[in-house]
Amino acid sequence: MLYKRTLRGWLHHSGEPWLPYGDSRLDGMLASKLIMELRDVTIVDVREVMAQ
């Protein structure tokens, strides 16, 4: 949900806006649903993978 700070307090916009990474409005965004969940993953060091 997208929130905006005003002199009267916090306003929120209904609906589900989709904002791209890097959008300046992301600072006022609160996630309202799970888009993706990772399961059974292994964390690796990218430098080690690139060295192979």
Protein backbone atom coordinates (compact mmCIF):
# COMPACT_ATOMS: atom_id res chain seq x y z
CA MET A 1 0.00 0.00 0.00
CA LEU A 2 1.34 3.41 -0.91
CA TYR A 3 1.50 5.95 1.93
CA LYS A 4 2.17 9.68 1.77
CA ARG A 5 3.00 11.96 4.71
CA THR A 6 0.96 15.19 4.79
CA LEU A 7 0.40 18.00 7.29
CA ARG A 8 -2.79 16.21 8.37
CA GLY A 9 -1.04 12.86 8.88
CA TRP A 10 -0.54 9.77 6.75
CA LEU A 11 -2.70 9.29 3.68
CA HIS A 12 -2.92 5.98 1.89
CA HIS A 13 -3.98 5.19 -1.64
CA SER A 14 -6.27 2.22 -2.08
CA GLY A 15 -5.52 -0.35 -4.70
CA GLU A 16 -2.33 -2.24 -5.36
CA PRO A 17 0.19 -0.06 -7.17
CA TRP A 18 3.08 -1.84 -8.87
CA LEU A 19 6.25 0.23 -8.66
CA PRO A 20 9.53 -0.63 -10.37
CA TYR A 21 12.76 -0.94 -8.41
CA GLY A 22 14.36 2.47 -7.99
CA ASP A 23 11.05 4.36 -8.02
CA SER A 24 11.23 7.35 -5.64
CA ARG A 25 7.83 6.43 -4.16
CA LEU A 26 9.14 3.13 -2.76
CA ASP A 27 10.18 4.90 0.45
CA GLY A 28 6.47 5.27 1.24
CA MET A 29 5.47 1.75 0.25
CA LEU A 30 4.36 -1.00 2.62
CA ALA A 31 4.08 -4.49 1.16
CA SER A 32 0.51 -5.76 1.17
CA LYS A 33 1.01 -9.28 -0.17
CA LEU A 34 3.63 -11.92 -0.76
CA ILE A 35 4.69 -11.98 -4.40
CA MET A 36 7.30 -14.73 -4.21
CA GLU A 37 8.63 -17.07 -1.54
CA LEU A 38 11.95 -18.88 -1.80
CA ARG A 39 12.21 -22.40 -0.35
CA ASP A 40 15.01 -24.95 -0.19
CA VAL A 41 17.66 -22.53 -1.42
CA THR A 42 21.38 -22.48 -0.78
CA ILE A 43 23.22 -19.24 -0.13
CA VAL A 44 26.46 -19.09 -2.08
CA ASP A 45 29.29 -16.60 -2.42
CA VAL A 46 29.03 -15.15 -5.93
CA ARG A 47 32.80 -14.66 -6.07
CA GLU A 48 33.35 -18.40 -5.53
CA VAL A 49 30.85 -19.30 -8.22
CA MET A 50 32.41 -16.88 -10.70
CA ALA A 51 35.88 -18.29 -9.99
CA GLN A 52 34.83 -21.78 -11.08
